[in-house]
mmCIF file of all heavy atoms, coordinates in Angstrom:
data_MODEL
# 
_entry.id   MODEL 
# 
loop_
_atom_site.group_PDB 
_atom_site.id 
_atom_site.type_symbol 
_atom_site.label_atom_id 
_atom_site.label_alt_id 
_atom_site.label_comp_id 
_atom_site.label_asym_id 
_atom_site.label_entity_id 
_atom_site.label_seq_id 
_atom_site.pdbx_PDB_ins_code 
_atom_site.Cartn_x 
_atom_site.Cartn_y 
_atom_site.Cartn_z 
_atom_site.occupancy 
_atom_site.B_iso_or_equiv 
_atom_site.pdbx_formal_charge 
_atom_site.auth_seq_id 
_atom_site.auth_comp_id 
_atom_site.auth_asym_id 
_atom_site.auth_atom_id 
_atom_site.pdbx_PDB_model_num 
ATOM 1   N N   . ALA A 1 1  ? -6.445  -116.653 106.839 1.00 0.00 ? 1  ALA A N   1 
ATOM 2   C CA  . ALA A 1 1  ? -7.256  -117.677 107.475 1.00 0.00 ? 1  ALA A CA  1 
ATOM 3   C C   . ALA A 1 1  ? -8.158  -118.286 106.422 1.00 0.00 ? 1  ALA A C   1 
ATOM 4   O O   . ALA A 1 1  ? -8.510  -117.636 105.425 1.00 0.00 ? 1  ALA A O   1 
ATOM 5   C CB  . ALA A 1 1  ? -8.086  -117.068 108.603 1.00 0.00 ? 1  ALA A CB  1 
ATOM 6   N N   . PRO A 1 2  ? -8.569  -119.559 106.597 1.00 0.00 ? 2  PRO A N   1 
ATOM 7   C CA  . PRO A 1 2  ? -9.385  -120.210 105.586 1.00 0.00 ? 2  PRO A CA  1 
ATOM 8   C C   . PRO A 1 2  ? -10.600 -119.392 105.180 1.00 0.00 ? 2  PRO A C   1 
ATOM 9   O O   . PRO A 1 2  ? -10.965 -119.329 104.004 1.00 0.00 ? 2  PRO A O   1 
ATOM 10  C CB  . PRO A 1 2  ? -9.777  -121.530 106.257 1.00 0.00 ? 2  PRO A CB  1 
ATOM 11  C CG  . PRO A 1 2  ? -8.637  -121.813 107.180 1.00 0.00 ? 2  PRO A CG  1 
ATOM 12  C CD  . PRO A 1 2  ? -8.207  -120.473 107.685 1.00 0.00 ? 2  PRO A CD  1 
ATOM 13  N N   . ALA A 1 3  ? -11.253 -118.727 106.118 1.00 0.00 ? 3  ALA A N   1 
ATOM 14  C CA  . ALA A 1 3  ? -12.449 -117.960 105.808 1.00 0.00 ? 3  ALA A CA  1 
ATOM 15  C C   . ALA A 1 3  ? -12.149 -116.768 104.919 1.00 0.00 ? 3  ALA A C   1 
ATOM 16  O O   . ALA A 1 3  ? -13.030 -116.222 104.258 1.00 0.00 ? 3  ALA A O   1 
ATOM 17  C CB  . ALA A 1 3  ? -13.120 -117.494 107.100 1.00 0.00 ? 3  ALA A CB  1 
ATOM 18  N N   . ASP A 1 4  ? -10.890 -116.355 104.902 1.00 0.00 ? 4  ASP A N   1 
ATOM 19  C CA  . ASP A 1 4  ? -10.513 -115.181 104.120 1.00 0.00 ? 4  ASP A CA  1 
ATOM 20  C C   . ASP A 1 4  ? -9.962  -115.538 102.752 1.00 0.00 ? 4  ASP A C   1 
ATOM 21  O O   . ASP A 1 4  ? -9.597  -114.657 101.981 1.00 0.00 ? 4  ASP A O   1 
ATOM 22  C CB  . ASP A 1 4  ? -9.450  -114.367 104.877 1.00 0.00 ? 4  ASP A CB  1 
ATOM 23  C CG  . ASP A 1 4  ? -9.988  -113.821 106.181 1.00 0.00 ? 4  ASP A CG  1 
ATOM 24  O OD1 . ASP A 1 4  ? -11.199 -113.578 106.239 1.00 0.00 ? 4  ASP A OD1 1 
ATOM 25  O OD2 . ASP A 1 4  ? -9.178  -113.652 107.114 1.00 0.00 ? 4  ASP A OD2 1 
ATOM 26  N N   . HIS A 1 5  ? -9.883  -116.833 102.431 1.00 0.00 ? 5  HIS A N   1 
ATOM 27  C CA  . HIS A 1 5  ? -9.237  -117.244 101.186 1.00 0.00 ? 5  HIS A CA  1 
ATOM 28  C C   . HIS A 1 5  ? -9.934  -116.658 99.962  1.00 0.00 ? 5  HIS A C   1 
ATOM 29  O O   . HIS A 1 5  ? -9.285  -116.188 99.033  1.00 0.00 ? 5  HIS A O   1 
ATOM 30  C CB  . HIS A 1 5  ? -9.210  -118.771 101.072 1.00 0.00 ? 5  HIS A CB  1 
ATOM 31  C CG  . HIS A 1 5  ? -8.038  -119.395 101.764 1.00 0.00 ? 5  HIS A CG  1 
ATOM 32  N ND1 . HIS A 1 5  ? -6.915  -118.685 102.117 1.00 0.00 ? 5  HIS A ND1 1 
ATOM 33  C CD2 . HIS A 1 5  ? -7.813  -120.683 102.159 1.00 0.00 ? 5  HIS A CD2 1 
ATOM 34  C CE1 . HIS A 1 5  ? -6.054  -119.498 102.706 1.00 0.00 ? 5  HIS A CE1 1 
ATOM 35  N NE2 . HIS A 1 5  ? -6.574  -120.709 102.743 1.00 0.00 ? 5  HIS A NE2 1 
ATOM 36  N N   . ALA A 1 6  ? -11.258 -116.703 99.933  1.00 0.00 ? 6  ALA A N   1 
ATOM 37  C CA  . ALA A 1 6  ? -11.986 -116.225 98.762  1.00 0.00 ? 6  ALA A CA  1 
ATOM 38  C C   . ALA A 1 6  ? -11.732 -114.736 98.540  1.00 0.00 ? 6  ALA A C   1 
ATOM 39  O O   . ALA A 1 6  ? -11.492 -114.287 97.417  1.00 0.00 ? 6  ALA A O   1 
ATOM 40  C CB  . ALA A 1 6  ? -13.477 -116.491 98.923  1.00 0.00 ? 6  ALA A CB  1 
ATOM 41  N N   . GLN A 1 7  ? -11.773 -113.978 99.629  1.00 0.00 ? 7  GLN A N   1 
ATOM 42  C CA  . GLN A 1 7  ? -11.526 -112.546 99.523  1.00 0.00 ? 7  GLN A CA  1 
ATOM 43  C C   . GLN A 1 7  ? -10.086 -112.280 99.074  1.00 0.00 ? 7  GLN A C   1 
ATOM 44  O O   . GLN A 1 7  ? -9.843  -111.432 98.209  1.00 0.00 ? 7  GLN A O   1 
ATOM 45  C CB  . GLN A 1 7  ? -11.790 -111.854 100.855 1.00 0.00 ? 7  GLN A CB  1 
ATOM 46  C CG  . GLN A 1 7  ? -11.551 -110.348 100.819 1.00 0.00 ? 7  GLN A CG  1 
ATOM 47  C CD  . GLN A 1 7  ? -11.813 -109.707 102.169 1.00 0.00 ? 7  GLN A CD  1 
ATOM 48  O OE1 . GLN A 1 7  ? -12.225 -110.369 103.117 1.00 0.00 ? 7  GLN A OE1 1 
ATOM 49  N NE2 . GLN A 1 7  ? -11.574 -108.409 102.250 1.00 0.00 ? 7  GLN A NE2 1 
ATOM 50  N N   . ALA A 1 8  ? -9.129  -113.018 99.670  1.00 0.00 ? 8  ALA A N   1 
ATOM 51  C CA  . ALA A 1 8  ? -7.730  -112.834 99.307  1.00 0.00 ? 8  ALA A CA  1 
ATOM 52  C C   . ALA A 1 8  ? -7.499  -113.184 97.841  1.00 0.00 ? 8  ALA A C   1 
ATOM 53  O O   . ALA A 1 8  ? -6.759  -112.502 97.131  1.00 0.00 ? 8  ALA A O   1 
ATOM 54  C CB  . ALA A 1 8  ? -6.841  -113.684 100.207 1.00 0.00 ? 8  ALA A CB  1 
ATOM 55  N N   . GLN A 1 9  ? -8.131  -114.279 97.378  1.00 0.00 ? 9  GLN A N   1 
ATOM 56  C CA  . GLN A 1 9  ? -7.976  -114.677 95.984  1.00 0.00 ? 9  GLN A CA  1 
ATOM 57  C C   . GLN A 1 9  ? -8.560  -113.620 95.047  1.00 0.00 ? 9  GLN A C   1 
ATOM 58  O O   . GLN A 1 9  ? -7.989  -113.308 94.002  1.00 0.00 ? 9  GLN A O   1 
ATOM 59  C CB  . GLN A 1 9  ? -8.672  -116.026 95.741  1.00 0.00 ? 9  GLN A CB  1 
ATOM 60  C CG  . GLN A 1 9  ? -8.399  -116.636 94.376  1.00 0.00 ? 9  GLN A CG  1 
ATOM 61  C CD  . GLN A 1 9  ? -6.993  -117.172 94.265  1.00 0.00 ? 9  GLN A CD  1 
ATOM 62  O OE1 . GLN A 1 9  ? -6.364  -117.490 95.270  1.00 0.00 ? 9  GLN A OE1 1 
ATOM 63  N NE2 . GLN A 1 9  ? -6.479  -117.270 93.053  1.00 0.00 ? 9  GLN A NE2 1 
ATOM 64  N N   . ALA A 1 10 ? -9.696  -113.048 95.422  1.00 0.00 ? 10 ALA A N   1 
ATOM 65  C CA  . ALA A 1 10 ? -10.317 -112.014 94.591  1.00 0.00 ? 10 ALA A CA  1 
ATOM 66  C C   . ALA A 1 10 ? -9.414  -110.789 94.492  1.00 0.00 ? 10 ALA A C   1 
ATOM 67  O O   . ALA A 1 10 ? -9.266  -110.196 93.415  1.00 0.00 ? 10 ALA A O   1 
ATOM 68  C CB  . ALA A 1 10 ? -11.672 -111.626 95.170  1.00 0.00 ? 10 ALA A CB  1 
ATOM 69  N N   . GLN A 1 11 ? -8.797  -110.417 95.621  1.00 0.00 ? 11 GLN A N   1 
ATOM 70  C CA  . GLN A 1 11 ? -7.888  -109.282 95.610  1.00 0.00 ? 11 GLN A CA  1 
ATOM 71  C C   . GLN A 1 11 ? -6.670  -109.571 94.740  1.00 0.00 ? 11 GLN A C   1 
ATOM 72  O O   . GLN A 1 11 ? -6.194  -108.704 94.005  1.00 0.00 ? 11 GLN A O   1 
ATOM 73  C CB  . GLN A 1 11 ? -7.456  -108.946 97.035  1.00 0.00 ? 11 GLN A CB  1 
ATOM 74  C CG  . GLN A 1 11 ? -8.576  -108.385 97.894  1.00 0.00 ? 11 GLN A CG  1 
ATOM 75  C CD  . GLN A 1 11 ? -8.159  -108.207 99.343  1.00 0.00 ? 11 GLN A CD  1 
ATOM 76  O OE1 . GLN A 1 11 ? -7.148  -108.761 99.783  1.00 0.00 ? 11 GLN A OE1 1 
ATOM 77  N NE2 . GLN A 1 11 ? -8.932  -107.439 100.093 1.00 0.00 ? 11 GLN A NE2 1 
ATOM 78  N N   . LEU A 1 12 ? -6.175  -110.814 94.849  1.00 0.00 ? 12 LEU A N   1 
ATOM 79  C CA  . LEU A 1 12 ? -5.028  -111.222 94.032  1.00 0.00 ? 12 LEU A CA  1 
ATOM 80  C C   . LEU A 1 12 ? -5.352  -111.087 92.552  1.00 0.00 ? 12 LEU A C   1 
ATOM 81  O O   . LEU A 1 12 ? -4.580  -110.519 91.776  1.00 0.00 ? 12 LEU A O   1 
ATOM 82  C CB  . LEU A 1 12 ? -4.662  -112.657 94.385  1.00 0.00 ? 12 LEU A CB  1 
ATOM 83  C CG  . LEU A 1 12 ? -3.491  -113.324 93.662  1.00 0.00 ? 12 LEU A CG  1 
ATOM 84  C CD1 . LEU A 1 12 ? -2.890  -114.382 94.575  1.00 0.00 ? 12 LEU A CD1 1 
ATOM 85  C CD2 . LEU A 1 12 ? -3.929  -113.986 92.365  1.00 0.00 ? 12 LEU A CD2 1 
ATOM 86  N N   . GLU A 1 13 ? -6.520  -111.605 92.132  1.00 0.00 ? 13 GLU A N   1 
ATOM 87  C CA  . GLU A 1 13 ? -6.878  -111.579 90.732  1.00 0.00 ? 13 GLU A CA  1 
ATOM 88  C C   . GLU A 1 13 ? -7.119  -110.149 90.251  1.00 0.00 ? 13 GLU A C   1 
ATOM 89  O O   . GLU A 1 13 ? -6.825  -109.804 89.108  1.00 0.00 ? 13 GLU A O   1 
ATOM 90  C CB  . GLU A 1 13 ? -8.106  -112.456 90.507  1.00 0.00 ? 13 GLU A CB  1 
ATOM 91  C CG  . GLU A 1 13 ? -7.809  -113.942 90.717  1.00 0.00 ? 13 GLU A CG  1 
ATOM 92  C CD  . GLU A 1 13 ? -9.055  -114.801 90.736  1.00 0.00 ? 13 GLU A CD  1 
ATOM 93  O OE1 . GLU A 1 13 ? -10.157 -114.221 90.732  1.00 0.00 ? 13 GLU A OE1 1 
ATOM 94  O OE2 . GLU A 1 13 ? -8.922  -116.030 90.755  1.00 0.00 ? 13 GLU A OE2 1 
ATOM 95  N N   . GLU A 1 14 ? -7.634  -109.321 91.158  1.00 0.00 ? 14 GLU A N   1 
ATOM 96  C CA  . GLU A 1 14 ? -7.874  -107.929 90.790  1.00 0.00 ? 14 GLU A CA  1 
ATOM 97  C C   . GLU A 1 14 ? -6.552  -107.222 90.479  1.00 0.00 ? 14 GLU A C   1 
ATOM 98  O O   . GLU A 1 14 ? -6.474  -106.382 89.588  1.00 0.00 ? 14 GLU A O   1 
ATOM 99  C CB  . GLU A 1 14 ? -8.595  -107.208 91.944  1.00 0.00 ? 14 GLU A CB  1 
ATOM 100 C CG  . GLU A 1 14 ? -8.961  -105.770 91.642  1.00 0.00 ? 14 GLU A CG  1 
ATOM 101 C CD  . GLU A 1 14 ? -9.704  -105.121 92.790  1.00 0.00 ? 14 GLU A CD  1 
ATOM 102 O OE1 . GLU A 1 14 ? -10.209 -105.858 93.659  1.00 0.00 ? 14 GLU A OE1 1 
ATOM 103 O OE2 . GLU A 1 14 ? -9.761  -103.885 92.820  1.00 0.00 ? 14 GLU A OE2 1 
ATOM 104 N N   . ARG A 1 15 ? -5.511  -107.564 91.212  1.00 0.00 ? 15 ARG A N   1 
ATOM 105 C CA  . ARG A 1 15 ? -4.212  -106.960 90.971  1.00 0.00 ? 15 ARG A CA  1 
ATOM 106 C C   . ARG A 1 15 ? -3.500  -107.573 89.767  1.00 0.00 ? 15 ARG A C   1 
ATOM 107 O O   . ARG A 1 15 ? -2.485  -107.072 89.314  1.00 0.00 ? 15 ARG A O   1 
ATOM 108 C CB  . ARG A 1 15 ? -3.314  -107.138 92.201  1.00 0.00 ? 15 ARG A CB  1 
ATOM 109 C CG  . ARG A 1 15 ? -3.809  -106.446 93.462  1.00 0.00 ? 15 ARG A CG  1 
ATOM 110 C CD  . ARG A 1 15 ? -2.855  -106.716 94.597  1.00 0.00 ? 15 ARG A CD  1 
ATOM 111 N NE  . ARG A 1 15 ? -3.461  -106.418 95.888  1.00 0.00 ? 15 ARG A NE  1 
ATOM 112 C CZ  . ARG A 1 15 ? -2.877  -106.635 97.053  1.00 0.00 ? 15 ARG A CZ  1 
ATOM 113 N NH1 . ARG A 1 15 ? -1.671  -107.172 97.088  1.00 0.00 ? 15 ARG A NH1 1 
ATOM 114 N NH2 . ARG A 1 15 ? -3.476  -106.347 98.183  1.00 0.00 ? 15 ARG A NH2 1 
ATOM 115 N N   . GLY A 1 16 ? -3.997  -108.683 89.262  1.00 0.00 ? 16 GLY A N   1 
ATOM 116 C CA  . GLY A 1 16 ? -3.381  -109.318 88.107  1.00 0.00 ? 16 GLY A CA  1 
ATOM 117 C C   . GLY A 1 16 ? -2.125  -110.084 88.429  1.00 0.00 ? 16 GLY A C   1 
ATOM 118 O O   . GLY A 1 16 ? -1.293  -110.326 87.540  1.00 0.00 ? 16 GLY A O   1 
ATOM 119 N N   . ARG A 1 17 ? -1.942  -110.488 89.672  1.00 0.00 ? 17 ARG A N   1 
ATOM 120 C CA  . ARG A 1 17 ? -0.725  -111.202 90.044  1.00 0.00 ? 17 ARG A CA  1 
ATOM 121 C C   . ARG A 1 17 ? -0.604  -112.502 89.259  1.00 0.00 ? 17 ARG A C   1 
ATOM 122 O O   . ARG A 1 17 ? -1.542  -113.270 89.148  1.00 0.00 ? 17 ARG A O   1 
ATOM 123 C CB  . ARG A 1 17 ? -0.718  -111.504 91.544  1.00 0.00 ? 17 ARG A CB  1 
ATOM 124 C CG  . ARG A 1 17 ? -0.309  -110.316 92.395  1.00 0.00 ? 17 ARG A CG  1 
ATOM 125 C CD  . ARG A 1 17 ? -0.227  -110.717 93.860  1.00 0.00 ? 17 ARG A CD  1 
ATOM 126 N NE  . ARG A 1 17 ? 0.546   -111.944 94.060  1.00 0.00 ? 17 ARG A NE  1 
ATOM 127 C CZ  . ARG A 1 17 ? 0.606   -112.601 95.217  1.00 0.00 ? 17 ARG A CZ  1 
ATOM 128 N NH1 . ARG A 1 17 ? -0.069  -112.152 96.269  1.00 0.00 ? 17 ARG A NH1 1 
ATOM 129 N NH2 . ARG A 1 17 ? 1.336   -113.696 95.316  1.00 0.00 ? 17 ARG A NH2 1 
ATOM 130 N N   . GLY A 1 18 ? 0.591   -112.723 88.726  1.00 0.00 ? 18 GLY A N   1 
ATOM 131 C CA  . GLY A 1 18 ? 0.840   -113.925 87.943  1.00 0.00 ? 18 GLY A CA  1 
ATOM 132 C C   . GLY A 1 18 ? 0.449   -113.803 86.486  1.00 0.00 ? 18 GLY A C   1 
ATOM 133 O O   . GLY A 1 18 ? 0.667   -114.743 85.714  1.00 0.00 ? 18 GLY A O   1 
ATOM 134 N N   . THR A 1 19 ? -0.112  -112.669 86.078  1.00 0.00 ? 19 THR A N   1 
ATOM 135 C CA  . THR A 1 19 ? -0.464  -112.461 84.676  1.00 0.00 ? 19 THR A CA  1 
ATOM 136 C C   . THR A 1 19 ? 0.804   -112.388 83.830  1.00 0.00 ? 19 THR A C   1 
ATOM 137 O O   . THR A 1 19 ? 1.748   -111.671 84.168  1.00 0.00 ? 19 THR A O   1 
ATOM 138 C CB  . THR A 1 19 ? -1.269  -111.161 84.496  1.00 0.00 ? 19 THR A CB  1 
ATOM 139 O OG1 . THR A 1 19 ? -2.459  -111.236 85.275  1.00 0.00 ? 19 THR A OG1 1 
ATOM 140 C CG2 . THR A 1 19 ? -1.627  -110.942 83.027  1.00 0.00 ? 19 THR A CG2 1 
ATOM 141 N N   . LEU A 1 20 ? 0.806   -113.110 82.742  1.00 0.00 ? 20 LEU A N   1 
ATOM 142 C CA  . LEU A 1 20 ? 1.964   -113.128 81.857  1.00 0.00 ? 20 LEU A CA  1 
ATOM 143 C C   . LEU A 1 20 ? 2.012   -111.832 81.045  1.00 0.00 ? 20 LEU A C   1 
ATOM 144 O O   . LEU A 1 20 ? 1.043   -111.455 80.389  1.00 0.00 ? 20 LEU A O   1 
ATOM 145 C CB  . LEU A 1 20 ? 1.877   -114.331 80.920  1.00 0.00 ? 20 LEU A CB  1 
ATOM 146 C CG  . LEU A 1 20 ? 3.066   -114.580 79.995  1.00 0.00 ? 20 LEU A CG  1 
ATOM 147 C CD1 . LEU A 1 20 ? 4.301   -114.954 80.801  1.00 0.00 ? 20 LEU A CD1 1 
ATOM 148 C CD2 . LEU A 1 20 ? 2.729   -115.702 79.002  1.00 0.00 ? 20 LEU A CD2 1 
ATOM 149 N N   . VAL A 1 21 ? 3.153   -111.137 81.102  1.00 0.00 ? 21 VAL A N   1 
ATOM 150 C CA  . VAL A 1 21 ? 3.365   -109.912 80.330  1.00 0.00 ? 21 VAL A CA  1 
ATOM 151 C C   . VAL A 1 21 ? 4.033   -110.228 78.996  1.00 0.00 ? 21 VAL A C   1 
ATOM 152 O O   . VAL A 1 21 ? 3.633   -109.727 77.943  1.00 0.00 ? 21 VAL A O   1 
ATOM 153 C CB  . VAL A 1 21 ? 4.213   -108.901 81.127  1.00 0.00 ? 21 VAL A CB  1 
ATOM 154 C CG1 . VAL A 1 21 ? 4.547   -107.679 80.277  1.00 0.00 ? 21 VAL A CG1 1 
ATOM 155 C CG2 . VAL A 1 21 ? 3.498   -108.490 82.409  1.00 0.00 ? 21 VAL A CG2 1 
ATOM 156 N N   . SER A 1 22 ? 5.055   -111.078 79.021  1.00 0.00 ? 22 SER A N   1 
ATOM 157 C CA  . SER A 1 22 ? 5.743   -111.444 77.785  1.00 0.00 ? 22 SER A CA  1 
ATOM 158 C C   . SER A 1 22 ? 6.463   -112.763 77.976  1.00 0.00 ? 22 SER A C   1 
ATOM 159 O O   . SER A 1 22 ? 6.758   -113.178 79.108  1.00 0.00 ? 22 SER A O   1 
ATOM 160 C CB  . SER A 1 22 ? 6.745   -110.361 77.367  1.00 0.00 ? 22 SER A CB  1 
ATOM 161 O OG  . SER A 1 22 ? 7.803   -110.264 78.313  1.00 0.00 ? 22 SER A OG  1 
ATOM 162 N N   . ALA A 1 23 ? 6.749   -113.420 76.865  1.00 0.00 ? 23 ALA A N   1 
ATOM 163 C CA  . ALA A 1 23 ? 7.517   -114.668 76.866  1.00 0.00 ? 23 ALA A CA  1 
ATOM 164 C C   . ALA A 1 23 ? 8.491   -114.633 75.701  1.00 0.00 ? 23 ALA A C   1 
ATOM 165 O O   . ALA A 1 23 ? 8.102   -114.316 74.571  1.00 0.00 ? 23 ALA A O   1 
ATOM 166 C CB  . ALA A 1 23 ? 6.596   -115.874 76.754  1.00 0.00 ? 23 ALA A CB  1 
ATOM 167 N N   . GLU A 1 24 ? 9.734   -114.948 75.965  1.00 0.00 ? 24 GLU A N   1 
ATOM 168 C CA  . GLU A 1 24 ? 10.786  -114.908 74.958  1.00 0.00 ? 24 GLU A CA  1 
ATOM 169 C C   . GLU A 1 24 ? 11.567  -116.211 74.983  1.00 0.00 ? 24 GLU A C   1 
ATOM 170 O O   . GLU A 1 24 ? 12.071  -116.617 76.037  1.00 0.00 ? 24 GLU A O   1 
ATOM 171 C CB  . GLU A 1 24 ? 11.726  -113.736 75.243  1.00 0.00 ? 24 GLU A CB  1 
ATOM 172 C CG  . GLU A 1 24 ? 12.949  -113.668 74.359  1.00 0.00 ? 24 GLU A CG  1 
ATOM 173 C CD  . GLU A 1 24 ? 13.945  -112.619 74.820  1.00 0.00 ? 24 GLU A CD  1 
ATOM 174 O OE1 . GLU A 1 24 ? 13.696  -111.942 75.847  1.00 0.00 ? 24 GLU A OE1 1 
ATOM 175 O OE2 . GLU A 1 24 ? 14.995  -112.476 74.158  1.00 0.00 ? 24 GLU A OE2 1 
ATOM 176 N N   . LYS A 1 25 ? 11.639  -116.870 73.836  1.00 0.00 ? 25 LYS A N   1 
ATOM 177 C CA  . LYS A 1 25 ? 12.468  -118.078 73.766  1.00 0.00 ? 25 LYS A CA  1 
ATOM 178 C C   . LYS A 1 25 ? 13.928  -117.655 73.810  1.00 0.00 ? 25 LYS A C   1 
ATOM 179 O O   . LYS A 1 25 ? 14.377  -116.825 73.027  1.00 0.00 ? 25 LYS A O   1 
ATOM 180 C CB  . LYS A 1 25 ? 12.192  -118.876 72.502  1.00 0.00 ? 25 LYS A CB  1 
ATOM 181 C CG  . LYS A 1 25 ? 13.008  -120.166 72.431  1.00 0.00 ? 25 LYS A CG  1 
ATOM 182 C CD  . LYS A 1 25 ? 12.804  -120.916 71.136  1.00 0.00 ? 25 LYS A CD  1 
ATOM 183 C CE  . LYS A 1 25 ? 11.451  -121.591 71.085  1.00 0.00 ? 25 LYS A CE  1 
ATOM 184 N NZ  . LYS A 1 25 ? 11.323  -122.491 69.889  1.00 0.00 ? 25 LYS A NZ  1 
ATOM 185 N N   . LEU A 1 26 ? 14.675  -118.237 74.741  1.00 0.00 ? 26 LEU A N   1 
ATOM 186 C CA  . LEU A 1 26 ? 16.081  -117.884 74.916  1.00 0.00 ? 26 LEU A CA  1 
ATOM 187 C C   . LEU A 1 26 ? 17.009  -118.800 74.136  1.00 0.00 ? 26 LEU A C   1 
ATOM 188 O O   . LEU A 1 26 ? 17.925  -118.340 73.449  1.00 0.00 ? 26 LEU A O   1 
ATOM 189 C CB  . LEU A 1 26 ? 16.441  -117.927 76.402  1.00 0.00 ? 26 LEU A CB  1 
ATOM 190 C CG  . LEU A 1 26 ? 15.685  -116.959 77.313  1.00 0.00 ? 26 LEU A CG  1 
ATOM 191 C CD1 . LEU A 1 26 ? 16.078  -117.186 78.771  1.00 0.00 ? 26 LEU A CD1 1 
ATOM 192 C CD2 . LEU A 1 26 ? 15.955  -115.512 76.903  1.00 0.00 ? 26 LEU A CD2 1 
ATOM 193 N N   . TYR A 1 27 ? 16.794  -120.105 74.238  1.00 0.00 ? 27 TYR A N   1 
ATOM 194 C CA  . TYR A 1 27 ? 17.653  -121.061 73.538  1.00 0.00 ? 27 TYR A CA  1 
ATOM 195 C C   . TYR A 1 27 ? 17.029  -122.443 73.599  1.00 0.00 ? 27 TYR A C   1 
ATOM 196 O O   . TYR A 1 27 ? 16.139  -122.709 74.423  1.00 0.00 ? 27 TYR A O   1 
ATOM 197 C CB  . TYR A 1 27 ? 19.064  -121.100 74.137  1.00 0.00 ? 27 TYR A CB  1 
ATOM 198 C CG  . TYR A 1 27 ? 19.123  -121.255 75.649  1.00 0.00 ? 27 TYR A CG  1 
ATOM 199 C CD1 . TYR A 1 27 ? 19.161  -122.518 76.251  1.00 0.00 ? 27 TYR A CD1 1 
ATOM 200 C CD2 . TYR A 1 27 ? 19.163  -120.134 76.465  1.00 0.00 ? 27 TYR A CD2 1 
ATOM 201 C CE1 . TYR A 1 27 ? 19.224  -122.650 77.620  1.00 0.00 ? 27 TYR A CE1 1 
ATOM 202 C CE2 . TYR A 1 27 ? 19.228  -120.264 77.850  1.00 0.00 ? 27 TYR A CE2 1 
ATOM 203 C CZ  . TYR A 1 27 ? 19.261  -121.519 78.420  1.00 0.00 ? 27 TYR A CZ  1 
ATOM 204 O OH  . TYR A 1 27 ? 19.323  -121.663 79.794  1.00 0.00 ? 27 TYR A OH  1 
ATOM 205 N N   . THR A 1 28 ? 17.475  -123.300 72.712  1.00 0.00 ? 28 THR A N   1 
ATOM 206 C CA  . THR A 1 28 ? 17.035  -124.691 72.676  1.00 0.00 ? 28 THR A CA  1 
ATOM 207 C C   . THR A 1 28 ? 18.263  -125.591 72.687  1.00 0.00 ? 28 THR A C   1 
ATOM 208 O O   . THR A 1 28 ? 19.203  -125.385 71.917  1.00 0.00 ? 28 THR A O   1 
ATOM 209 C CB  . THR A 1 28 ? 16.201  -124.986 71.423  1.00 0.00 ? 28 THR A CB  1 
ATOM 210 O OG1 . THR A 1 28 ? 15.065  -124.132 71.390  1.00 0.00 ? 28 THR A OG1 1 
ATOM 211 C CG2 . THR A 1 28 ? 15.733  -126.444 71.419  1.00 0.00 ? 28 THR A CG2 1 
# 
């Protein structure tokens, strides 16, 4: 719910969701 967005976002960031672990160039 809209009122819960801030809390949900904080929990998301605490878990590190979307944090980049590694990047590898495959081909060009």
